[in-house]
Amino acid sequence: MTAVWQRNYHEHIIRSEKEHRNIEAYIESNPANWSADEENPSHSLE
């Protein structure tokens, strides 16, 4: 069986509407940062 747990994954309880909005904004904007992510295999180390 293949492991399904992601490395550096942490559960978190959202306790307020403000916290929910911040997390939602992070999730929505995060894909735009993929090209600069060090774990992206296409990322150049210039």
PDB file of N, CA and C in Angstrom:
ATOM      1  N   MET A   1       0.845  -1.192   0.000  1.00  0.00           N
ATOM      2  CA  MET A   1       0.000   0.000   0.000  1.00  0.00           C
ATOM      3  C   MET A   1       0.885   1.248   0.000  1.00  0.00           C
ATOM      4  N   THR A   2       0.494   2.222  -0.760  1.00  0.00           N
ATOM      5  CA  THR A   2       1.238   3.471  -0.872  1.00  0.00           C
ATOM      6  C   THR A   2       0.831   4.426   0.249  1.00  0.00           C
ATOM      7  N   ALA A   3       1.826   5.082   0.845  1.00  0.00           N
ATOM      8  CA  ALA A   3       1.537   6.071   1.887  1.00  0.00           C
ATOM      9  C   ALA A   3       0.816   7.268   1.272  1.00  0.00           C
ATOM     10  N   VAL A   4      -0.154   7.813   2.000  1.00  0.00           N
ATOM     11  CA  VAL A   4      -0.896   8.966   1.503  1.00  0.00           C
ATOM     12  C   VAL A   4      -0.644  10.225   2.330  1.00  0.00           C
ATOM     13  N   TRP A   5       0.114  10.107   3.409  1.00  0.00           N
ATOM     14  CA  TRP A   5       0.390  11.256   4.264  1.00  0.00           C
ATOM     15  C   TRP A   5       1.448  12.122   3.608  1.00  0.00           C
ATOM     16  N   GLN A   6       1.213  13.411   3.515  1.00  0.00           N
ATOM     17  CA  GLN A   6       2.171  14.313   2.885  1.00  0.00           C
ATOM     18  C   GLN A   6       3.210  14.784   3.893  1.00  0.00           C
ATOM     19  N   ARG A   7       4.438  14.885   3.436  1.00  0.00           N
ATOM     20  CA  ARG A   7       5.526  15.398   4.263  1.00  0.00           C
ATOM     21  C   ARG A   7       5.216  16.853   4.642  1.00  0.00           C
ATOM     22  N   ASN A   8       5.517  17.224   5.854  1.00  0.00           N
ATOM     23  CA  ASN A   8       5.308  18.580   6.376  1.00  0.00           C
ATOM     24  C   ASN A   8       3.835  18.988   6.401  1.00  0.00           C
ATOM     25  N   TYR A   9       2.955  18.017   6.469  1.00  0.00           N
ATOM     26  CA  TYR A   9       1.522  18.301   6.543  1.00  0.00           C
ATOM     27  C   TYR A   9       1.126  18.426   8.008  1.00  0.00           C
ATOM     28  N   HIS A  10       0.384  19.462   8.327  1.00  0.00           N
ATOM     29  CA  HIS A  10      -0.061  19.673   9.701  1.00  0.00           C
ATOM     30  C   HIS A  10      -1.553  19.981   9.694  1.00  0.00           C
ATOM     31  N   GLU A  11      -2.296  19.325  10.560  1.00  0.00           N
ATOM     32  CA  GLU A  11      -3.710  19.628  10.707  1.00  0.00           C
ATOM     33  C   GLU A  11      -3.846  20.954  11.447  1.00  0.00           C
ATOM     34  N   HIS A  12      -4.922  21.642  11.195  1.00  0.00           N
ATOM     35  CA  HIS A  12      -5.137  22.936  11.835  1.00  0.00           C
ATOM     36  C   HIS A  12      -6.639  23.166  11.966  1.00  0.00           C
ATOM     37  N   ILE A  13      -7.061  23.627  13.111  1.00  0.00           N
ATOM     38  CA  ILE A  13      -8.460  23.972  13.335  1.00  0.00           C
ATOM     39  C   ILE A  13      -8.634  25.456  13.063  1.00  0.00           C
ATOM     40  N   ILE A  14      -9.554  25.778  12.173  1.00  0.00           N
ATOM     41  CA  ILE A  14      -9.836  27.182  11.852  1.00  0.00           C
ATOM     42  C   ILE A  14     -10.804  27.705  12.900  1.00  0.00           C
ATOM     43  N   ARG A  15     -10.387  28.745  13.596  1.00  0.00           N
ATOM     44  CA  ARG A  15     -11.151  29.209  14.753  1.00  0.00           C
ATOM     45  C   ARG A  15     -11.878  30.538  14.551  1.00  0.00           C
ATOM     46  N   SER A  16     -11.683  31.182  13.409  1.00  0.00           N
ATOM     47  CA  SER A  16     -12.376  32.452  13.200  1.00  0.00           C
ATOM     48  C   SER A  16     -12.586  32.694  11.707  1.00  0.00           C
ATOM     49  N   GLU A  17     -13.487  33.593  11.402  1.00  0.00           N
ATOM     50  CA  GLU A  17     -13.744  33.956  10.013  1.00  0.00           C
ATOM     51  C   GLU A  17     -12.514  34.608   9.387  1.00  0.00           C
ATOM     52  N   LYS A  18     -11.810  35.438  10.151  1.00  0.00           N
ATOM     53  CA  LYS A  18     -10.599  36.093   9.642  1.00  0.00           C
ATOM     54  C   LYS A  18      -9.538  35.051   9.287  1.00  0.00           C
ATOM     55  N   GLU A  19      -9.346  34.081  10.150  1.00  0.00           N
ATOM     56  CA  GLU A  19      -8.377  33.020   9.887  1.00  0.00           C
ATOM     57  C   GLU A  19      -8.785  32.230   8.645  1.00  0.00           C
ATOM     58  N   HIS A  20     -10.073  31.967   8.489  1.00  0.00           N
ATOM     59  CA  HIS A  20     -10.570  31.265   7.316  1.00  0.00           C
ATOM     60  C   HIS A  20     -10.257  32.050   6.045  1.00  0.00           C
ATOM     61  N   ARG A  21     -10.500  33.347   6.060  1.00  0.00           N
ATOM     62  CA  ARG A  21     -10.210  34.186   4.883  1.00  0.00           C
ATOM     63  C   ARG A  21      -8.722  34.171   4.550  1.00  0.00           C
ATOM     64  N   ASN A  22      -7.855  34.234   5.581  1.00  0.00           N
ATOM     65  CA  ASN A  22      -6.413  34.218   5.342  1.00  0.00           C
ATOM     66  C   ASN A  22      -5.965  32.897   4.719  1.00  0.00           C
ATOM     67  N   ILE A  23      -6.487  31.811   5.219  1.00  0.00           N
ATOM     68  CA  ILE A  23      -6.130  30.496   4.680  1.00  0.00           C
ATOM     69  C   ILE A  23      -6.656  30.355   3.253  1.00  0.00           C
ATOM     70  N   GLU A  24      -7.868  30.812   3.022  1.00  0.00           N
ATOM     71  CA  GLU A  24      -8.450  30.747   1.688  1.00  0.00           C
ATOM     72  C   GLU A  24      -7.614  31.563   0.695  1.00  0.00           C
ATOM     73  N   ALA A  25      -7.177  32.745   1.081  1.00  0.00           N
ATOM     74  CA  ALA A  25      -6.341  33.579   0.209  1.00  0.00           C
ATOM     75  C   ALA A  25      -5.010  32.891  -0.086  1.00  0.00           C
ATOM     76  N   TYR A  26      -4.441  32.246   0.920  1.00  0.00           N
ATOM     77  CA  TYR A  26      -3.188  31.518   0.716  1.00  0.00           C
ATOM     78  C   TYR A  26      -3.386  30.387  -0.290  1.00  0.00           C
ATOM     79  N   ILE A  27      -4.450  29.624  -0.130  1.00  0.00           N
ATOM     80  CA  ILE A  27      -4.709  28.501  -1.032  1.00  0.00           C
ATOM     81  C   ILE A  27      -4.939  28.994  -2.454  1.00  0.00           C
ATOM     82  N   GLU A  28      -5.666  30.081  -2.610  1.00  0.00           N
ATOM     83  CA  GLU A  28      -5.950  30.605  -3.948  1.00  0.00           C
ATOM     84  C   GLU A  28      -4.713  31.166  -4.631  1.00  0.00           C
ATOM     85  N   SER A  29      -3.815  31.800  -3.881  1.00  0.00           N
ATOM     86  CA  SER A  29      -2.644  32.430  -4.499  1.00  0.00           C
ATOM     87  C   SER A  29      -1.433  31.507  -4.586  1.00  0.00           C
ATOM     88  N   ASN A  30      -1.433  30.415  -3.848  1.00  0.00           N
ATOM     89  CA  ASN A  30      -0.266  29.547  -3.787  1.00  0.00           C
ATOM     90  C   ASN A  30       0.174  28.988  -5.138  1.00  0.00           C
ATOM     91  N   PRO A  31      -0.722  28.545  -6.035  1.00  0.00           N
ATOM     92  CA  PRO A  31      -0.257  28.011  -7.319  1.00  0.00           C
ATOM     93  C   PRO A  31       0.593  29.003  -8.123  1.00  0.00           C
ATOM     94  N   ALA A  32       0.362  30.285  -7.952  1.00  0.00           N
ATOM     95  CA  ALA A  32       1.150  31.289  -8.674  1.00  0.00           C
ATOM     96  C   ALA A  32       2.615  31.276  -8.245  1.00  0.00           C
ATOM     97  N   ASN A  33       2.898  30.740  -7.067  1.00  0.00           N
ATOM     98  CA  ASN A  33       4.273  30.697  -6.555  1.00  0.00           C
ATOM     99  C   ASN A  33       5.021  29.428  -6.952  1.00  0.00           C
ATOM    100  N   TRP A  34       4.356  28.492  -7.630  1.00  0.00           N
ATOM    101  CA  TRP A  34       4.956  27.200  -7.932  1.00  0.00           C
ATOM    102  C   TRP A  34       6.215  27.338  -8.797  1.00  0.00           C
ATOM    103  N   SER A  35       6.248  28.251  -9.729  1.00  0.00           N
ATOM    104  CA  SER A  35       7.412  28.367 -10.605  1.00  0.00           C
ATOM    105  C   SER A  35       8.675  28.745  -9.835  1.00  0.00           C
ATOM    106  N   ALA A  36       8.530  29.427  -8.697  1.00  0.00           N
ATOM    107  CA  ALA A  36       9.683  29.826  -7.893  1.00  0.00           C
ATOM    108  C   ALA A  36       9.962  28.863  -6.732  1.00  0.00           C
ATOM    109  N   ASP A  37       9.115  27.849  -6.557  1.00  0.00           N
ATOM    110  CA  ASP A  37       9.270  26.927  -5.432  1.00  0.00           C
ATOM    111  C   ASP A  37      10.492  26.031  -5.615  1.00  0.00           C
ATOM    112  N   GLU A  38      11.308  25.902  -4.582  1.00  0.00           N
ATOM    113  CA  GLU A  38      12.525  25.087  -4.642  1.00  0.00           C
ATOM    114  C   GLU A  38      12.227  23.608  -4.876  1.00  0.00           C
ATOM    115  N   GLU A  39      11.026  23.149  -4.525  1.00  0.00           N
ATOM    116  CA  GLU A  39      10.673  21.742  -4.731  1.00  0.00           C
ATOM    117  C   GLU A  39      10.085  21.485  -6.119  1.00  0.00           C
ATOM    118  N   ASN A  40       9.910  22.526  -6.904  1.00  0.00           N
ATOM    119  CA  ASN A  40       9.437  22.371  -8.274  1.00  0.00           C
ATOM    120  C   ASN A  40      10.606  21.854  -9.119  1.00  0.00           C
ATOM    121  N   PRO A  41      10.458  20.692  -9.754  1.00  0.00           N
ATOM    122  CA  PRO A  41      11.560  20.147 -10.549  1.00  0.00           C
ATOM    123  C   PRO A  41      12.015  21.066 -11.683  1.00  0.00           C
ATOM    124  N   SER A  42      11.166  21.976 -12.139  1.00  0.00           N
ATOM    125  CA  SER A  42      11.534  22.903 -13.207  1.00  0.00           C
ATOM    126  C   SER A  42      12.201  24.168 -12.700  1.00  0.00           C
ATOM    127  N   HIS A  43      12.256  24.349 -11.389  1.00  0.00           N
ATOM    128  CA  HIS A  43      12.834  25.553 -10.786  1.00  0.00           C
ATOM    129  C   HIS A  43      14.329  25.622 -11.085  1.00  0.00           C
ATOM    130  N   SER A  44      14.761  26.750 -11.609  1.00  0.00           N
ATOM    131  CA  SER A  44      16.198  26.907 -11.875  1.00  0.00           C
ATOM    132  C   SER A  44      16.873  27.514 -10.646  1.00  0.00           C
ATOM    133  N   LEU A  45      18.067  27.105 -10.392  1.00  0.00           N
ATOM    134  CA  LEU A  45      18.813  27.572  -9.208  1.00  0.00           C
ATOM    135  C   LEU A  45      19.786  28.679  -9.600  1.00  0.00           C
ATOM    136  N   GLU A  46      19.330  29.666 -10.318  1.00  0.00           N
ATOM    137  CA  GLU A  46      20.187  30.766 -10.750  1.00  0.00           C
ATOM    138  C   GLU A  46      20.567  31.646  -9.608  1.00  0.00           C
TER     139      GLU A  46
END
